[in-house]
Amino acid sequence: MKIEILGTGCAKCKKLMEITKETVAELGINAEIVKVDKIDEIMNYGVMMTPAIAIDEEIKAAGRIPSKDEIKKWINEKK
């Protein structure tokens, strides 16, 4: 599973990365967590507001920080 955090490095983007890492650790799963910070790559996803999170290249949320419960739900849907 590949989880991508899309954002240029703002505080909200960093917080989303932190929450995502904590969630993956809590679930005990093996996931690759990648930071996407290049504007052109973010635009390729059609994201206009950051932070955003994509799981296996599918955008799950943009312009907000989702809760751990939301992230867990999305990860469990992909298992």
PDB file of N, CA and C in Angstrom:
ATOM      1  N   MET A   1       0.843  -1.177   0.000  1.00  0.00           N
ATOM      2  CA  MET A   1       0.000   0.000   0.000  1.00  0.00           C
ATOM      3  C   MET A   1       0.886   1.238   0.000  1.00  0.00           C
ATOM      4  N   LYS A   2       0.510   2.198  -0.829  1.00  0.00           N
ATOM      5  CA  LYS A   2       1.258   3.447  -0.912  1.00  0.00           C
ATOM      6  C   LYS A   2       0.354   4.594  -0.483  1.00  0.00           C
ATOM      7  N   ILE A   3       0.809   5.349   0.496  1.00  0.00           N
ATOM      8  CA  ILE A   3       0.060   6.502   0.984  1.00  0.00           C
ATOM      9  C   ILE A   3       0.881   7.738   0.665  1.00  0.00           C
ATOM     10  N   GLU A   4       0.247   8.679  -0.013  1.00  0.00           N
ATOM     11  CA  GLU A   4       0.941   9.905  -0.392  1.00  0.00           C
ATOM     12  C   GLU A   4       0.313  11.098   0.313  1.00  0.00           C
ATOM     13  N   ILE A   5       1.175  11.926   0.892  1.00  0.00           N
ATOM     14  CA  ILE A   5       0.757  13.175   1.508  1.00  0.00           C
ATOM     15  C   ILE A   5       1.138  14.281   0.538  1.00  0.00           C
ATOM     16  N   LEU A   6       0.153  14.995   0.044  1.00  0.00           N
ATOM     17  CA  LEU A   6       0.385  16.050  -0.939  1.00  0.00           C
ATOM     18  C   LEU A   6       0.349  17.410  -0.249  1.00  0.00           C
ATOM     19  N   GLY A   7       1.430  18.153  -0.398  1.00  0.00           N
ATOM     20  CA  GLY A   7       1.505  19.478   0.190  1.00  0.00           C
ATOM     21  C   GLY A   7       2.904  20.044   0.066  1.00  0.00           C
ATOM     22  N   THR A   8       2.999  21.343   0.151  1.00  0.00           N
ATOM     23  CA  THR A   8       4.284  22.012  -0.073  1.00  0.00           C
ATOM     24  C   THR A   8       5.144  22.132   1.176  1.00  0.00           C
ATOM     25  N   GLY A   9       4.649  21.692   2.309  1.00  0.00           N
ATOM     26  CA  GLY A   9       5.465  21.737   3.519  1.00  0.00           C
ATOM     27  C   GLY A   9       4.915  22.649   4.605  1.00  0.00           C
ATOM     28  N   CYS A  10       3.656  23.046   4.480  1.00  0.00           N
ATOM     29  CA  CYS A  10       3.046  23.904   5.498  1.00  0.00           C
ATOM     30  C   CYS A  10       2.809  23.105   6.786  1.00  0.00           C
ATOM     31  N   ALA A  11       2.426  23.801   7.829  1.00  0.00           N
ATOM     32  CA  ALA A  11       2.193  23.154   9.127  1.00  0.00           C
ATOM     33  C   ALA A  11       1.114  22.080   9.035  1.00  0.00           C
ATOM     34  N   LYS A  12       0.060  22.343   8.271  1.00  0.00           N
ATOM     35  CA  LYS A  12      -1.021  21.362   8.128  1.00  0.00           C
ATOM     36  C   LYS A  12      -0.534  20.110   7.403  1.00  0.00           C
ATOM     37  N   CYS A  13       0.331  20.305   6.410  1.00  0.00           N
ATOM     38  CA  CYS A  13       0.884  19.164   5.669  1.00  0.00           C
ATOM     39  C   CYS A  13       1.738  18.295   6.592  1.00  0.00           C
ATOM     40  N   LYS A  14       2.541  18.947   7.415  1.00  0.00           N
ATOM     41  CA  LYS A  14       3.394  18.224   8.361  1.00  0.00           C
ATOM     42  C   LYS A  14       2.549  17.474   9.380  1.00  0.00           C
ATOM     43  N   LYS A  15       1.454  18.086   9.838  1.00  0.00           N
ATOM     44  CA  LYS A  15       0.563  17.451  10.795  1.00  0.00           C
ATOM     45  C   LYS A  15      -0.102  16.223  10.184  1.00  0.00           C
ATOM     46  N   LEU A  16      -0.522  16.322   8.924  1.00  0.00           N
ATOM     47  CA  LEU A  16      -1.132  15.181   8.240  1.00  0.00           C
ATOM     48  C   LEU A  16      -0.135  14.047   8.106  1.00  0.00           C
ATOM     49  N   MET A  17       1.107  14.357   7.793  1.00  0.00           N
ATOM     50  CA  MET A  17       2.151  13.323   7.708  1.00  0.00           C
ATOM     51  C   MET A  17       2.310  12.631   9.060  1.00  0.00           C
ATOM     52  N   GLU A  18       2.360  13.408  10.126  1.00  0.00           N
ATOM     53  CA  GLU A  18       2.519  12.876  11.475  1.00  0.00           C
ATOM     54  C   GLU A  18       1.344  11.954  11.847  1.00  0.00           C
ATOM     55  N   ILE A  19       0.132  12.419  11.609  1.00  0.00           N
ATOM     56  CA  ILE A  19      -1.057  11.617  11.927  1.00  0.00           C
ATOM     57  C   ILE A  19      -1.086  10.334  11.103  1.00  0.00           C
ATOM     58  N   THR A  20      -0.712  10.412   9.848  1.00  0.00           N
ATOM     59  CA  THR A  20      -0.705   9.240   8.969  1.00  0.00           C
ATOM     60  C   THR A  20       0.302   8.207   9.460  1.00  0.00           C
ATOM     61  N   LYS A  21       1.509   8.649   9.818  1.00  0.00           N
ATOM     62  CA  LYS A  21       2.525   7.720  10.333  1.00  0.00           C
ATOM     63  C   LYS A  21       2.049   7.054  11.617  1.00  0.00           C
ATOM     64  N   GLU A  22       1.432   7.837  12.514  1.00  0.00           N
ATOM     65  CA  GLU A  22       0.914   7.280  13.764  1.00  0.00           C
ATOM     66  C   GLU A  22      -0.173   6.243  13.487  1.00  0.00           C
ATOM     67  N   THR A  23      -1.054   6.541  12.551  1.00  0.00           N
ATOM     68  CA  THR A  23      -2.160   5.637  12.216  1.00  0.00           C
ATOM     69  C   THR A  23      -1.635   4.326  11.645  1.00  0.00           C
ATOM     70  N   VAL A  24      -0.690   4.402  10.733  1.00  0.00           N
ATOM     71  CA  VAL A  24      -0.102   3.200  10.137  1.00  0.00           C
ATOM     72  C   VAL A  24       0.572   2.358  11.226  1.00  0.00           C
ATOM     73  N   ALA A  25       1.274   3.005  12.131  1.00  0.00           N
ATOM     74  CA  ALA A  25       1.930   2.287  13.235  1.00  0.00           C
ATOM     75  C   ALA A  25       0.893   1.614  14.138  1.00  0.00           C
ATOM     76  N   GLU A  26      -0.185   2.320  14.444  1.00  0.00           N
ATOM     77  CA  GLU A  26      -1.241   1.755  15.293  1.00  0.00           C
ATOM     78  C   GLU A  26      -1.885   0.533  14.653  1.00  0.00           C
ATOM     79  N   LEU A  27      -2.053   0.574  13.345  1.00  0.00           N
ATOM     80  CA  LEU A  27      -2.665  -0.544  12.627  1.00  0.00           C
ATOM     81  C   LEU A  27      -1.686  -1.698  12.420  1.00  0.00           C
ATOM     82  N   GLY A  28      -0.398  -1.405  12.548  1.00  0.00           N
ATOM     83  CA  GLY A  28       0.624  -2.436  12.380  1.00  0.00           C
ATOM     84  C   GLY A  28       0.710  -2.960  10.961  1.00  0.00           C
ATOM     85  N   ILE A  29       0.463  -2.101   9.993  1.00  0.00           N
ATOM     86  CA  ILE A  29       0.529  -2.539   8.598  1.00  0.00           C
ATOM     87  C   ILE A  29       1.818  -2.041   7.943  1.00  0.00           C
ATOM     88  N   ASN A  30       2.118  -2.647   6.827  1.00  0.00           N
ATOM     89  CA  ASN A  30       3.288  -2.243   6.061  1.00  0.00           C
ATOM     90  C   ASN A  30       2.804  -1.328   4.937  1.00  0.00           C
ATOM     91  N   ALA A  31       3.128  -0.050   5.043  1.00  0.00           N
ATOM     92  CA  ALA A  31       2.714   0.910   4.016  1.00  0.00           C
ATOM     93  C   ALA A  31       3.864   1.855   3.723  1.00  0.00           C
ATOM     94  N   GLU A  32       3.988   2.206   2.469  1.00  0.00           N
ATOM     95  CA  GLU A  32       4.977   3.199   2.051  1.00  0.00           C
ATOM     96  C   GLU A  32       4.314   4.567   2.144  1.00  0.00           C
ATOM     97  N   ILE A  33       4.895   5.447   2.944  1.00  0.00           N
ATOM     98  CA  ILE A  33       4.349   6.797   3.103  1.00  0.00           C
ATOM     99  C   ILE A  33       5.296   7.772   2.414  1.00  0.00           C
ATOM    100  N   VAL A  34       4.762   8.488   1.426  1.00  0.00           N
ATOM    101  CA  VAL A  34       5.572   9.356   0.586  1.00  0.00           C
ATOM    102  C   VAL A  34       5.045  10.787   0.671  1.00  0.00           C
ATOM    103  N   LYS A  35       5.958  11.749   0.713  1.00  0.00           N
ATOM    104  CA  LYS A  35       5.611  13.172   0.703  1.00  0.00           C
ATOM    105  C   LYS A  35       5.725  13.672  -0.731  1.00  0.00           C
ATOM    106  N   VAL A  36       4.647  14.221  -1.242  1.00  0.00           N
ATOM    107  CA  VAL A  36       4.647  14.806  -2.589  1.00  0.00           C
ATOM    108  C   VAL A  36       4.578  16.319  -2.404  1.00  0.00           C
ATOM    109  N   ASP A  37       5.678  17.008  -2.727  1.00  0.00           N
ATOM    110  CA  ASP A  37       5.723  18.442  -2.467  1.00  0.00           C
ATOM    111  C   ASP A  37       5.935  19.303  -3.706  1.00  0.00           C
ATOM    112  N   LYS A  38       6.038  18.673  -4.857  1.00  0.00           N
ATOM    113  CA  LYS A  38       6.194  19.440  -6.095  1.00  0.00           C
ATOM    114  C   LYS A  38       4.810  19.826  -6.631  1.00  0.00           C
ATOM    115  N   ILE A  39       4.640  21.119  -6.885  1.00  0.00           N
ATOM    116  CA  ILE A  39       3.344  21.649  -7.315  1.00  0.00           C
ATOM    117  C   ILE A  39       2.801  20.918  -8.541  1.00  0.00           C
ATOM    118  N   ASP A  40       3.652  20.647  -9.533  1.00  0.00           N
ATOM    119  CA  ASP A  40       3.162  19.998 -10.746  1.00  0.00           C
ATOM    120  C   ASP A  40       2.656  18.587 -10.463  1.00  0.00           C
ATOM    121  N   GLU A  41       3.304  17.866  -9.539  1.00  0.00           N
ATOM    122  CA  GLU A  41       2.858  16.513  -9.188  1.00  0.00           C
ATOM    123  C   GLU A  41       1.526  16.571  -8.431  1.00  0.00           C
ATOM    124  N   ILE A  42       1.385  17.569  -7.555  1.00  0.00           N
ATOM    125  CA  ILE A  42       0.133  17.744  -6.814  1.00  0.00           C
ATOM    126  C   ILE A  42      -0.993  18.064  -7.796  1.00  0.00           C
ATOM    127  N   MET A  43      -0.717  18.931  -8.769  1.00  0.00           N
ATOM    128  CA  MET A  43      -1.712  19.316  -9.771  1.00  0.00           C
ATOM    129  C   MET A  43      -2.138  18.124 -10.634  1.00  0.00           C
ATOM    130  N   ASN A  44      -1.214  17.179 -10.860  1.00  0.00           N
ATOM    131  CA  ASN A  44      -1.548  15.991 -11.647  1.00  0.00           C
ATOM    132  C   ASN A  44      -2.676  15.179 -11.001  1.00  0.00           C
ATOM    133  N   TYR A  45      -2.816  15.303  -9.690  1.00  0.00           N
ATOM    134  CA  TYR A  45      -3.898  14.627  -8.980  1.00  0.00           C
ATOM    135  C   TYR A  45      -5.193  15.434  -9.026  1.00  0.00           C
ATOM    136  N   GLY A  46      -5.133  16.646  -9.545  1.00  0.00           N
ATOM    137  CA  GLY A  46      -6.308  17.497  -9.588  1.00  0.00           C
ATOM    138  C   GLY A  46      -6.595  18.180  -8.263  1.00  0.00           C
ATOM    139  N   VAL A  47      -5.604  18.185  -7.379  1.00  0.00           N
ATOM    140  CA  VAL A  47      -5.771  18.783  -6.059  1.00  0.00           C
ATOM    141  C   VAL A  47      -5.486  20.279  -6.142  1.00  0.00           C
ATOM    142  N   MET A  48      -6.431  21.075  -5.647  1.00  0.00           N
ATOM    143  CA  MET A  48      -6.270  22.524  -5.658  1.00  0.00           C
ATOM    144  C   MET A  48      -5.979  23.076  -4.256  1.00  0.00           C
ATOM    145  N   MET A  49      -6.308  22.299  -3.228  1.00  0.00           N
ATOM    146  CA  MET A  49      -6.064  22.726  -1.854  1.00  0.00           C
ATOM    147  C   MET A  49      -5.303  21.639  -1.110  1.00  0.00           C
ATOM    148  N   THR A  50      -4.294  22.049  -0.376  1.00  0.00           N
ATOM    149  CA  THR A  50      -3.527  21.098   0.421  1.00  0.00           C
ATOM    150  C   THR A  50      -3.784  21.386   1.898  1.00  0.00           C
ATOM    151  N   PRO A  51      -3.524  20.441   2.763  1.00  0.00           N
ATOM    152  CA  PRO A  51      -2.948  19.136   2.486  1.00  0.00           C
ATOM    153  C   PRO A  51      -3.972  18.193   1.852  1.00  0.00           C
ATOM    154  N   ALA A  52      -3.443  17.153   1.229  1.00  0.00           N
ATOM    155  CA  ALA A  52      -4.287  16.106   0.655  1.00  0.00           C
ATOM    156  C   ALA A  52      -3.638  14.763   0.935  1.00  0.00           C
ATOM    157  N   ILE A  53      -4.465  13.729   0.948  1.00  0.00           N
ATOM    158  CA  ILE A  53      -3.948  12.381   1.162  1.00  0.00           C
ATOM    159  C   ILE A  53      -4.491  11.475   0.069  1.00  0.00           C
ATOM    160  N   ALA A  54      -3.602  10.666  -0.490  1.00  0.00           N
ATOM    161  CA  ALA A  54      -3.982   9.695  -1.512  1.00  0.00           C
ATOM    162  C   ALA A  54      -3.535   8.313  -1.035  1.00  0.00           C
ATOM    163  N   ILE A  55      -4.403   7.343  -1.198  1.00  0.00           N
ATOM    164  CA  ILE A  55      -4.055   5.962  -0.875  1.00  0.00           C
ATOM    165  C   ILE A  55      -4.141   5.174  -2.169  1.00  0.00           C
ATOM    166  N   ASP A  56      -3.029   4.553  -2.536  1.00  0.00           N
ATOM    167  CA  ASP A  56      -2.915   3.843  -3.815  1.00  0.00           C
ATOM    168  C   ASP A  56      -3.417   4.719  -4.965  1.00  0.00           C
ATOM    169  N   GLU A  57      -2.943   5.954  -4.977  1.00  0.00           N
ATOM    170  CA  GLU A  57      -3.179   6.943  -6.024  1.00  0.00           C
ATOM    171  C   GLU A  57      -4.620   7.447  -6.102  1.00  0.00           C
ATOM    172  N   GLU A  58      -5.433   7.187  -5.087  1.00  0.00           N
ATOM    173  CA  GLU A  58      -6.808   7.692  -5.041  1.00  0.00           C
ATOM    174  C   GLU A  58      -6.902   8.761  -3.953  1.00  0.00           C
ATOM    175  N   ILE A  59      -7.267   9.975  -4.337  1.00  0.00           N
ATOM    176  CA  ILE A  59      -7.395  11.066  -3.373  1.00  0.00           C
ATOM    177  C   ILE A  59      -8.545  10.759  -2.414  1.00  0.00           C
ATOM    178  N   LYS A  60      -8.244  10.839  -1.129  1.00  0.00           N
ATOM    179  CA  LYS A  60      -9.254  10.566  -0.099  1.00  0.00           C
ATOM    180  C   LYS A  60      -9.736  11.848   0.575  1.00  0.00           C
ATOM    181  N   ALA A  61      -8.875  12.845   0.692  1.00  0.00           N
ATOM    182  CA  ALA A  61      -9.258  14.125   1.298  1.00  0.00           C
ATOM    183  C   ALA A  61      -8.316  15.201   0.788  1.00  0.00           C
ATOM    184  N   ALA A  62      -8.852  16.420   0.654  1.00  0.00           N
ATOM    185  CA  ALA A  62      -8.041  17.550   0.217  1.00  0.00           C
ATOM    186  C   ALA A  62      -8.524  18.804   0.926  1.00  0.00           C
ATOM    187  N   GLY A  63      -7.567  19.662   1.285  1.00  0.00           N
ATOM    188  CA  GLY A  63      -7.896  20.933   1.900  1.00  0.00           C
ATOM    189  C   GLY A  63      -8.216  20.848   3.385  1.00  0.00           C
ATOM    190  N   ARG A  64      -7.963  19.687   3.978  1.00  0.00           N
ATOM    191  CA  ARG A  64      -8.224  19.518   5.412  1.00  0.00           C
ATOM    192  C   ARG A  64      -7.377  18.374   5.959  1.00  0.00           C
ATOM    193  N   ILE A  65      -7.329  18.292   7.284  1.00  0.00           N
ATOM    194  CA  ILE A  65      -6.619  17.196   7.938  1.00  0.00           C
ATOM    195  C   ILE A  65      -7.664  16.192   8.413  1.00  0.00           C
ATOM    196  N   PRO A  66      -7.709  15.011   7.796  1.00  0.00           N
ATOM    197  CA  PRO A  66      -8.682  14.011   8.231  1.00  0.00           C
ATOM    198  C   PRO A  66      -8.304  13.434   9.598  1.00  0.00           C
ATOM    199  N   SER A  67      -9.281  12.874  10.275  1.00  0.00           N
ATOM    200  CA  SER A  67      -9.030  12.259  11.582  1.00  0.00           C
ATOM    201  C   SER A  67      -8.341  10.911  11.404  1.00  0.00           C
ATOM    202  N   LYS A  68      -7.758  10.424  12.495  1.00  0.00           N
ATOM    203  CA  LYS A  68      -7.147   9.091  12.457  1.00  0.00           C
ATOM    204  C   LYS A  68      -8.185   8.037  12.088  1.00  0.00           C
ATOM    205  N   ASP A  69      -9.403   8.200  12.622  1.00  0.00           N
ATOM    206  CA  ASP A  69     -10.459   7.227  12.323  1.00  0.00           C
ATOM    207  C   ASP A  69     -10.779   7.188  10.833  1.00  0.00           C
ATOM    208  N   GLU A  70     -10.802   8.360  10.191  1.00  0.00           N
ATOM    209  CA  GLU A  70     -11.042   8.399   8.741  1.00  0.00           C
ATOM    210  C   GLU A  70      -9.917   7.678   8.002  1.00  0.00           C
ATOM    211  N   ILE A  71      -8.683   7.964   8.380  1.00  0.00           N
ATOM    212  CA  ILE A  71      -7.534   7.342   7.713  1.00  0.00           C
ATOM    213  C   ILE A  71      -7.567   5.831   7.919  1.00  0.00           C
ATOM    214  N   LYS A  72      -7.880   5.388   9.130  1.00  0.00           N
ATOM    215  CA  LYS A  72      -7.983   3.942   9.408  1.00  0.00           C
ATOM    216  C   LYS A  72      -9.037   3.297   8.517  1.00  0.00           C
ATOM    217  N   LYS A  73     -10.181   3.966   8.386  1.00  0.00           N
ATOM    218  CA  LYS A  73     -11.275   3.434   7.555  1.00  0.00           C
ATOM    219  C   LYS A  73     -10.803   3.275   6.112  1.00  0.00           C
ATOM    220  N   TRP A  74     -10.139   4.300   5.578  1.00  0.00           N
ATOM    221  CA  TRP A  74      -9.667   4.238   4.195  1.00  0.00           C
ATOM    222  C   TRP A  74      -8.643   3.132   4.005  1.00  0.00           C
ATOM    223  N   ILE A  75      -7.742   2.983   4.973  1.00  0.00           N
ATOM    224  CA  ILE A  75      -6.726   1.929   4.872  1.00  0.00           C
ATOM    225  C   ILE A  75      -7.384   0.566   4.919  1.00  0.00           C
ATOM    226  N   ASN A  76      -8.338   0.378   5.825  1.00  0.00           N
ATOM    227  CA  ASN A  76      -9.017  -0.907   5.948  1.00  0.00           C
ATOM    228  C   ASN A  76      -9.813  -1.250   4.701  1.00  0.00           C
ATOM    229  N   GLU A  77     -10.337  -0.246   4.005  1.00  0.00           N
ATOM    230  CA  GLU A  77     -11.055  -0.482   2.754  1.00  0.00           C
ATOM    231  C   GLU A  77     -10.124  -1.020   1.671  1.00  0.00           C
ATOM    232  N   LYS A  78      -8.846  -0.685   1.764  1.00  0.00           N
ATOM    233  CA  LYS A  78      -7.869  -1.100   0.742  1.00  0.00           C
ATOM    234  C   LYS A  78      -7.252  -2.461   1.034  1.00  0.00           C
ATOM    235  N   LYS A  79      -7.453  -2.962   2.235  1.00  0.00           N
ATOM    236  CA  LYS A  79      -6.836  -4.258   2.599  1.00  0.00           C
ATOM    237  C   LYS A  79      -7.515  -5.399   1.881  1.00  0.00           C
TER     238      LYS A  79
END
